[in-house]
PDB file of N, CA and C in Angstrom:
ATOM      1  N   MET A   1     -10.776 -80.123  -1.852  1.00  0.00           N
ATOM      2  CA  MET A   1     -10.727 -79.197  -0.587  1.00  0.00           C
ATOM      3  C   MET A   1     -11.216 -77.805  -1.224  1.00  0.00           C
ATOM      4  N   ASP A   2     -12.114 -77.096  -0.719  1.00  0.00           N
ATOM      5  CA  ASP A   2     -12.878 -75.925  -1.316  1.00  0.00           C
ATOM      6  C   ASP A   2     -11.726 -74.983  -1.040  1.00  0.00           C
ATOM      7  N   LYS A   3     -12.190 -73.467  -1.558  1.00  0.00           N
ATOM      8  CA  LYS A   3     -10.950 -72.458  -1.749  1.00  0.00           C
ATOM      9  C   LYS A   3     -11.222 -71.959  -0.053  1.00  0.00           C
ATOM     10  N   VAL A   4     -12.189 -71.979   0.426  1.00  0.00           N
ATOM     11  CA  VAL A   4     -12.514 -71.452   1.804  1.00  0.00           C
ATOM     12  C   VAL A   4     -11.505 -72.227   2.758  1.00  0.00           C
ATOM     13  N   SER A   5     -11.557 -73.600   2.705  1.00  0.00           N
ATOM     14  CA  SER A   5     -10.741 -74.473   3.640  1.00  0.00           C
ATOM     15  C   SER A   5      -9.523 -74.358   3.283  1.00  0.00           C
ATOM     16  N   LYS A   6      -9.283 -74.057   2.321  1.00  0.00           N
ATOM     17  CA  LYS A   6      -7.450 -73.870   1.757  1.00  0.00           C
ATOM     18  C   LYS A   6      -7.022 -72.635   2.417  1.00  0.00           C
ATOM     19  N   PHE A   7      -7.894 -71.614   2.227  1.00  0.00           N
ATOM     20  CA  PHE A   7      -7.585 -70.398   2.915  1.00  0.00           C
ATOM     21  C   PHE A   7      -7.582 -70.303   4.246  1.00  0.00           C
ATOM     22  N   LEU A   8      -8.295 -70.946   5.024  1.00  0.00           N
ATOM     23  CA  LEU A   8      -8.357 -71.071   6.304  1.00  0.00           C
ATOM     24  C   LEU A   8      -6.935 -71.870   6.903  1.00  0.00           C
ATOM     25  N   LYS A   9      -6.764 -72.695   6.278  1.00  0.00           N
ATOM     26  CA  LYS A   9      -5.494 -73.382   6.475  1.00  0.00           C
ATOM     27  C   LYS A   9      -4.363 -72.728   6.657  1.00  0.00           C
ATOM     28  N   ARG A  10      -4.180 -71.492   5.654  1.00  0.00           N
ATOM     29  CA  ARG A  10      -3.110 -70.898   5.691  1.00  0.00           C
ATOM     30  C   ARG A  10      -2.880 -69.739   6.554  1.00  0.00           C
ATOM     31  N   LEU A  11      -3.972 -69.492   7.279  1.00  0.00           N
ATOM     32  CA  LEU A  11      -4.054 -68.449   8.628  1.00  0.00           C
ATOM     33  C   LEU A  11      -3.517 -68.921   9.847  1.00  0.00           C
ATOM     34  N   SER A  12      -3.103 -67.936  10.787  1.00  0.00           N
ATOM     35  CA  SER A  12      -2.420 -68.202  11.768  1.00  0.00           C
ATOM     36  C   SER A  12      -3.921 -68.818  12.588  1.00  0.00           C
ATOM     37  N   LYS A  13      -3.288 -69.522  13.813  1.00  0.00           N
ATOM     38  CA  LYS A  13      -4.471 -69.951  14.530  1.00  0.00           C
ATOM     39  C   LYS A  13      -5.465 -69.103  15.116  1.00  0.00           C
ATOM     40  N   GLN A  14      -5.166 -67.744  15.353  1.00  0.00           N
ATOM     41  CA  GLN A  14      -5.846 -66.776  16.190  1.00  0.00           C
ATOM     42  C   GLN A  14      -6.923 -66.360  14.899  1.00  0.00           C
ATOM     43  N   GLU A  15      -6.166 -66.065  13.722  1.00  0.00           N
ATOM     44  CA  GLU A  15      -7.123 -65.443  12.666  1.00  0.00           C
ATOM     45  C   GLU A  15      -8.207 -66.462  12.216  1.00  0.00           C
ATOM     46  N   ARG A  16      -7.723 -67.756  12.193  1.00  0.00           N
ATOM     47  CA  ARG A  16      -8.714 -68.825  11.575  1.00  0.00           C
ATOM     48  C   ARG A  16      -9.810 -68.877  12.534  1.00  0.00           C
ATOM     49  N   LEU A  17      -9.641 -68.672  14.073  1.00  0.00           N
ATOM     50  CA  LEU A  17     -10.736 -68.908  14.863  1.00  0.00           C
ATOM     51  C   LEU A  17     -11.526 -67.882  14.722  1.00  0.00           C
ATOM     52  N   LYS A  18     -10.930 -66.793  14.669  1.00  0.00           N
ATOM     53  CA  LYS A  18     -11.841 -65.243  14.562  1.00  0.00           C
ATOM     54  C   LYS A  18     -12.849 -65.352  13.213  1.00  0.00           C
ATOM     55  N   LEU A  19     -12.046 -65.964  12.070  1.00  0.00           N
ATOM     56  CA  LEU A  19     -12.862 -65.981  10.746  1.00  0.00           C
ATOM     57  C   LEU A  19     -14.008 -67.331  10.749  1.00  0.00           C
ATOM     58  N   ARG A  20     -13.612 -68.231  11.311  1.00  0.00           N
ATOM     59  CA  ARG A  20     -14.569 -69.252  11.596  1.00  0.00           C
ATOM     60  C   ARG A  20     -15.858 -68.945  12.383  1.00  0.00           C
ATOM     61  N   THR A  21     -15.792 -67.865  13.367  1.00  0.00           N
ATOM     62  CA  THR A  21     -16.666 -67.705  14.315  1.00  0.00           C
ATOM     63  C   THR A  21     -17.674 -66.654  13.425  1.00  0.00           C
ATOM     64  N   VAL A  22     -16.824 -65.805  12.790  1.00  0.00           N
ATOM     65  CA  VAL A  22     -17.702 -64.773  11.805  1.00  0.00           C
ATOM     66  C   VAL A  22     -18.609 -65.607  10.784  1.00  0.00           C
ATOM     67  N   ILE A  23     -17.703 -66.359  10.108  1.00  0.00           N
ATOM     68  CA  ILE A  23     -18.547 -67.192   9.003  1.00  0.00           C
ATOM     69  C   ILE A  23     -19.602 -68.151   9.612  1.00  0.00           C
ATOM     70  N   LYS A  24     -19.589 -68.659  10.592  1.00  0.00           N
ATOM     71  CA  LYS A  24     -20.623 -69.470  11.476  1.00  0.00           C
ATOM     72  C   LYS A  24     -21.748 -68.477  11.800  1.00  0.00           C
ATOM     73  N   SER A  25     -21.689 -67.125  12.194  1.00  0.00           N
ATOM     74  CA  SER A  25     -22.366 -66.312  12.459  1.00  0.00           C
ATOM     75  C   SER A  25     -23.337 -65.919  11.330  1.00  0.00           C
ATOM     76  N   VAL A  26     -22.411 -65.607  10.171  1.00  0.00           N
ATOM     77  CA  VAL A  26     -23.176 -65.191   8.839  1.00  0.00           C
ATOM     78  C   VAL A  26     -24.204 -66.455   8.577  1.00  0.00           C
ATOM     79  N   LEU A  27     -23.514 -67.593   8.144  1.00  0.00           N
ATOM     80  CA  LEU A  27     -24.471 -68.802   7.904  1.00  0.00           C
ATOM     81  C   LEU A  27     -25.377 -68.933   8.834  1.00  0.00           C
ATOM     82  N   ASP A  28     -25.561 -68.805  10.040  1.00  0.00           N
ATOM     83  CA  ASP A  28     -26.534 -68.961  10.984  1.00  0.00           C
ATOM     84  C   ASP A  28     -27.398 -67.462  11.165  1.00  0.00           C
ATOM     85  N   GLY A  29     -27.281 -66.584  10.106  1.00  0.00           N
ATOM     86  CA  GLY A  29     -28.175 -65.485   9.939  1.00  0.00           C
ATOM     87  C   GLY A  29     -27.901 -64.307  11.258  1.00  0.00           C
ATOM     88  N   LYS A  30     -26.915 -64.740  12.091  1.00  0.00           N
ATOM     89  CA  LYS A  30     -26.629 -63.560  13.326  1.00  0.00           C
ATOM     90  C   LYS A  30     -25.544 -62.643  12.980  1.00  0.00           C
ATOM     91  N   ILE A  31     -26.067 -61.777  12.075  1.00  0.00           N
ATOM     92  CA  ILE A  31     -25.049 -60.724  11.628  1.00  0.00           C
ATOM     93  C   ILE A  31     -25.326 -59.334  12.368  1.00  0.00           C
ATOM     94  N   LYS A  32     -26.258 -59.170  13.174  1.00  0.00           N
ATOM     95  CA  LYS A  32     -26.716 -57.873  13.836  1.00  0.00           C
ATOM     96  C   LYS A  32     -25.164 -57.367  14.395  1.00  0.00           C
ATOM     97  N   ASP A  33     -24.419 -58.000  15.048  1.00  0.00           N
ATOM     98  CA  ASP A  33     -23.410 -57.584  15.890  1.00  0.00           C
ATOM     99  C   ASP A  33     -22.104 -57.477  15.006  1.00  0.00           C
ATOM    100  N   LEU A  34     -22.082 -57.707  13.644  1.00  0.00           N
ATOM    101  CA  LEU A  34     -20.785 -57.569  12.794  1.00  0.00           C
ATOM    102  C   LEU A  34     -20.654 -56.622  12.098  1.00  0.00           C
ATOM    103  N   ASP A  35     -19.742 -56.205  11.267  1.00  0.00           N
ATOM    104  CA  ASP A  35     -19.541 -54.905  10.700  1.00  0.00           C
ATOM    105  C   ASP A  35     -19.926 -55.296   9.220  1.00  0.00           C
ATOM    106  N   VAL A  36     -21.123 -55.332   8.880  1.00  0.00           N
ATOM    107  CA  VAL A  36     -21.759 -55.848   7.678  1.00  0.00           C
ATOM    108  C   VAL A  36     -22.140 -54.232   6.947  1.00  0.00           C
ATOM    109  N   LYS A  37     -21.792 -54.445   5.786  1.00  0.00           N
ATOM    110  CA  LYS A  37     -22.114 -53.329   4.548  1.00  0.00           C
ATOM    111  C   LYS A  37     -22.819 -53.708   3.412  1.00  0.00           C
ATOM    112  N   LYS A  38     -23.793 -53.323   2.750  1.00  0.00           N
ATOM    113  CA  LYS A  38     -24.387 -53.872   1.675  1.00  0.00           C
ATOM    114  C   LYS A  38     -23.522 -53.253   0.336  1.00  0.00           C
ATOM    115  N   LEU A  39     -23.220 -54.077  -0.499  1.00  0.00           N
ATOM    116  CA  LEU A  39     -22.131 -53.878  -1.621  1.00  0.00           C
ATOM    117  C   LEU A  39     -23.058 -53.017  -2.630  1.00  0.00           C
ATOM    118  N   SER A  40     -22.776 -51.848  -3.165  1.00  0.00           N
ATOM    119  CA  SER A  40     -23.349 -51.089  -4.192  1.00  0.00           C
ATOM    120  C   SER A  40     -23.359 -51.887  -5.448  1.00  0.00           C
ATOM    121  N   GLY A  41     -24.413 -51.625  -6.209  1.00  0.00           N
ATOM    122  CA  GLY A  41     -24.656 -52.215  -7.380  1.00  0.00           C
ATOM    123  C   GLY A  41     -25.262 -53.814  -7.218  1.00  0.00           C
ATOM    124  N   TYR A  42     -25.538 -54.307  -5.971  1.00  0.00           N
ATOM    125  CA  TYR A  42     -25.943 -55.465  -5.817  1.00  0.00           C
ATOM    126  C   TYR A  42     -27.082 -55.469  -5.227  1.00  0.00           C
ATOM    127  N   GLN A  43     -28.157 -56.170  -5.319  1.00  0.00           N
ATOM    128  CA  GLN A  43     -29.330 -56.209  -4.716  1.00  0.00           C
ATOM    129  C   GLN A  43     -29.115 -56.976  -3.159  1.00  0.00           C
ATOM    130  N   ASN A  44     -28.666 -58.074  -3.163  1.00  0.00           N
ATOM    131  CA  ASN A  44     -28.660 -58.875  -1.888  1.00  0.00           C
ATOM    132  C   ASN A  44     -27.514 -59.388  -1.448  1.00  0.00           C
ATOM    133  N   ILE A  45     -26.160 -58.536  -1.898  1.00  0.00           N
ATOM    134  CA  ILE A  45     -24.692 -59.088  -1.593  1.00  0.00           C
ATOM    135  C   ILE A  45     -24.491 -58.067  -0.460  1.00  0.00           C
ATOM    136  N   PHE A  46     -23.737 -58.664   0.575  1.00  0.00           N
ATOM    137  CA  PHE A  46     -23.210 -57.782   1.566  1.00  0.00           C
ATOM    138  C   PHE A  46     -21.767 -58.403   1.935  1.00  0.00           C
ATOM    139  N   ARG A  47     -20.967 -57.757   2.947  1.00  0.00           N
ATOM    140  CA  ARG A  47     -19.715 -57.904   3.282  1.00  0.00           C
ATOM    141  C   ARG A  47     -19.663 -57.648   4.633  1.00  0.00           C
ATOM    142  N   VAL A  48     -18.695 -58.721   5.023  1.00  0.00           N
ATOM    143  CA  VAL A  48     -18.354 -58.463   6.675  1.00  0.00           C
ATOM    144  C   VAL A  48     -16.800 -58.167   6.373  1.00  0.00           C
ATOM    145  N   ARG A  49     -16.529 -57.127   7.371  1.00  0.00           N
ATOM    146  CA  ARG A  49     -14.925 -56.726   7.758  1.00  0.00           C
ATOM    147  C   ARG A  49     -14.337 -57.585   8.733  1.00  0.00           C
ATOM    148  N   VAL A  50     -13.428 -58.285   8.631  1.00  0.00           N
ATOM    149  CA  VAL A  50     -12.612 -58.819   9.990  1.00  0.00           C
ATOM    150  C   VAL A  50     -11.277 -58.662   9.703  1.00  0.00           C
ATOM    151  N   GLY A  51     -10.920 -57.637  10.097  1.00  0.00           N
ATOM    152  CA  GLY A  51      -9.336 -56.994  10.174  1.00  0.00           C
ATOM    153  C   GLY A  51      -9.289 -56.803   8.790  1.00  0.00           C
ATOM    154  N   ASP A  52      -8.212 -57.500   7.922  1.00  0.00           N
ATOM    155  CA  ASP A  52      -8.034 -56.998   6.844  1.00  0.00           C
ATOM    156  C   ASP A  52      -8.563 -58.312   5.739  1.00  0.00           C
ATOM    157  N   MET A  53      -9.403 -58.974   6.364  1.00  0.00           N
ATOM    158  CA  MET A  53     -10.120 -59.875   5.381  1.00  0.00           C
ATOM    159  C   MET A  53     -11.508 -59.371   5.574  1.00  0.00           C
ATOM    160  N   ARG A  54     -12.346 -60.271   4.311  1.00  0.00           N
ATOM    161  CA  ARG A  54     -13.706 -59.916   3.940  1.00  0.00           C
ATOM    162  C   ARG A  54     -14.397 -61.272   3.852  1.00  0.00           C
ATOM    163  N   VAL A  55     -15.452 -61.123   4.213  1.00  0.00           N
ATOM    164  CA  VAL A  55     -16.615 -62.358   4.079  1.00  0.00           C
ATOM    165  C   VAL A  55     -17.654 -61.788   3.145  1.00  0.00           C
ATOM    166  N   VAL A  56     -17.709 -62.003   2.031  1.00  0.00           N
ATOM    167  CA  VAL A  56     -18.773 -61.616   1.215  1.00  0.00           C
ATOM    168  C   VAL A  56     -19.990 -62.764   1.017  1.00  0.00           C
ATOM    169  N   PHE A  57     -21.001 -62.389   1.224  1.00  0.00           N
ATOM    170  CA  PHE A  57     -22.236 -63.292   1.398  1.00  0.00           C
ATOM    171  C   PHE A  57     -23.501 -62.816   0.699  1.00  0.00           C
ATOM    172  N   GLU A  58     -24.427 -63.676   0.135  1.00  0.00           N
ATOM    173  CA  GLU A  58     -25.740 -63.186  -0.356  1.00  0.00           C
ATOM    174  C   GLU A  58     -26.791 -63.478   0.387  1.00  0.00           C
ATOM    175  N   ASN A  59     -27.552 -62.913   0.464  1.00  0.00           N
ATOM    176  CA  ASN A  59     -28.782 -62.974   1.507  1.00  0.00           C
ATOM    177  C   ASN A  59     -29.921 -63.147   0.825  1.00  0.00           C
ATOM    178  N   ASN A  60     -30.506 -64.357   0.528  1.00  0.00           N
ATOM    179  CA  ASN A  60     -31.872 -64.753  -0.219  1.00  0.00           C
ATOM    180  C   ASN A  60     -32.916 -64.830   0.808  1.00  0.00           C
ATOM    181  N   ASP A  61     -33.575 -64.149   1.531  1.00  0.00           N
ATOM    182  CA  ASP A  61     -34.729 -64.260   2.283  1.00  0.00           C
ATOM    183  C   ASP A  61     -34.487 -64.891   3.494  1.00  0.00           C
ATOM    184  N   GLY A  62     -33.283 -64.557   4.071  1.00  0.00           N
ATOM    185  CA  GLY A  62     -32.752 -65.225   5.184  1.00  0.00           C
ATOM    186  C   GLY A  62     -31.718 -66.291   5.089  1.00  0.00           C
ATOM    187  N   SER A  63     -31.717 -66.883   3.695  1.00  0.00           N
ATOM    188  CA  SER A  63     -30.749 -67.950   3.457  1.00  0.00           C
ATOM    189  C   SER A  63     -29.513 -67.303   3.111  1.00  0.00           C
ATOM    190  N   MET A  64     -28.360 -67.638   3.589  1.00  0.00           N
ATOM    191  CA  MET A  64     -27.001 -67.008   3.494  1.00  0.00           C
ATOM    192  C   MET A  64     -26.204 -67.853   2.685  1.00  0.00           C
ATOM    193  N   ASN A  65     -25.568 -67.360   1.791  1.00  0.00           N
ATOM    194  CA  ASN A  65     -24.592 -68.109   0.811  1.00  0.00           C
ATOM    195  C   ASN A  65     -23.357 -67.364   0.773  1.00  0.00           C
ATOM    196  N   LEU A  66     -22.113 -68.227   1.047  1.00  0.00           N
ATOM    197  CA  LEU A  66     -20.902 -67.543   1.040  1.00  0.00           C
ATOM    198  C   LEU A  66     -20.429 -67.464  -0.426  1.00  0.00           C
ATOM    199  N   ILE A  67     -20.114 -66.238  -0.800  1.00  0.00           N
ATOM    200  CA  ILE A  67     -19.551 -65.985  -2.050  1.00  0.00           C
ATOM    201  C   ILE A  67     -17.947 -65.856  -2.048  1.00  0.00           C
ATOM    202  N   PHE A  68     -17.250 -65.292  -1.099  1.00  0.00           N
ATOM    203  CA  PHE A  68     -15.928 -65.096  -1.216  1.00  0.00           C
ATOM    204  C   PHE A  68     -15.449 -65.052   0.266  1.00  0.00           C
ATOM    205  N   VAL A  69     -14.210 -65.710   0.795  1.00  0.00           N
ATOM    206  CA  VAL A  69     -13.676 -65.318   1.994  1.00  0.00           C
ATOM    207  C   VAL A  69     -12.037 -65.363   1.500  1.00  0.00           C
ATOM    208  N   GLY A  70     -11.498 -63.883   2.206  1.00  0.00           N
ATOM    209  CA  GLY A  70     -10.244 -63.896   1.536  1.00  0.00           C
ATOM    210  C   GLY A  70      -9.975 -62.505   2.048  1.00  0.00           C
ATOM    211  N   ARG A  71      -8.236 -62.327   2.089  1.00  0.00           N
ATOM    212  CA  ARG A  71      -7.837 -61.014   2.272  1.00  0.00           C
ATOM    213  C   ARG A  71      -8.253 -59.994   1.270  1.00  0.00           C
ATOM    214  N   LYS A  72      -8.553 -58.708   1.754  1.00  0.00           N
ATOM    215  CA  LYS A  72      -8.889 -57.674   0.859  1.00  0.00           C
ATOM    216  C   LYS A  72      -7.936 -57.402  -0.151  1.00  0.00           C
ATOM    217  N   SER A  73      -8.356 -57.217  -1.507  1.00  0.00           N
ATOM    218  CA  SER A  73      -7.473 -56.775  -2.530  1.00  0.00           C
ATOM    219  C   SER A  73      -8.016 -56.307  -3.639  1.00  0.00           C
ATOM    220  N   ASP A  74      -7.450 -56.026  -4.579  1.00  0.00           N
ATOM    221  CA  ASP A  74      -8.245 -55.373  -5.732  1.00  0.00           C
ATOM    222  C   ASP A  74      -9.349 -56.312  -6.339  1.00  0.00           C
ATOM    223  N   LYS A  75      -9.236 -57.252  -6.316  1.00  0.00           N
ATOM    224  CA  LYS A  75     -10.012 -58.476  -6.812  1.00  0.00           C
ATOM    225  C   LYS A  75     -10.969 -59.087  -5.699  1.00  0.00           C
ATOM    226  N   THR A  76     -11.061 -58.424  -4.720  1.00  0.00           N
ATOM    227  CA  THR A  76     -12.167 -58.853  -3.634  1.00  0.00           C
ATOM    228  C   THR A  76     -13.444 -58.918  -3.940  1.00  0.00           C
ATOM    229  N   TYR A  77     -13.793 -57.751  -4.669  1.00  0.00           N
ATOM    230  CA  TYR A  77     -15.405 -57.634  -5.138  1.00  0.00           C
ATOM    231  C   TYR A  77     -15.658 -57.826  -6.606  1.00  0.00           C
ATOM    232  N   LYS A  78     -14.920 -58.406  -7.070  1.00  0.00           N
ATOM    233  CA  LYS A  78     -15.052 -58.923  -8.529  1.00  0.00           C
ATOM    234  C   LYS A  78     -15.418 -60.346  -8.871  1.00  0.00           C
ATOM    235  N   PHE A  79     -16.570 -60.472  -8.896  1.00  0.00           N
ATOM    236  CA  PHE A  79     -17.066 -61.884  -9.151  1.00  0.00           C
ATOM    237  C   PHE A  79     -18.400 -62.045 -10.071  1.00  0.00           C
TER     238      PHE A  79
END
């Protein structure tokens, strides 16, 4: 089981549904209505804020790759 699936299993049903919706939107490239910010110091890496959780992804010419999904902490942006 990958890290994202393990993290999602530990969430409440409501948080899991919200986060899955955001992850699906990111992977489908539908990020216009999300709280997206480009991470400074990186060329194609962005984050989406979902409450106290973050979805960090890389955008390679429209191809979205998940890098991190989890609660925001000191280690969130260290990869």
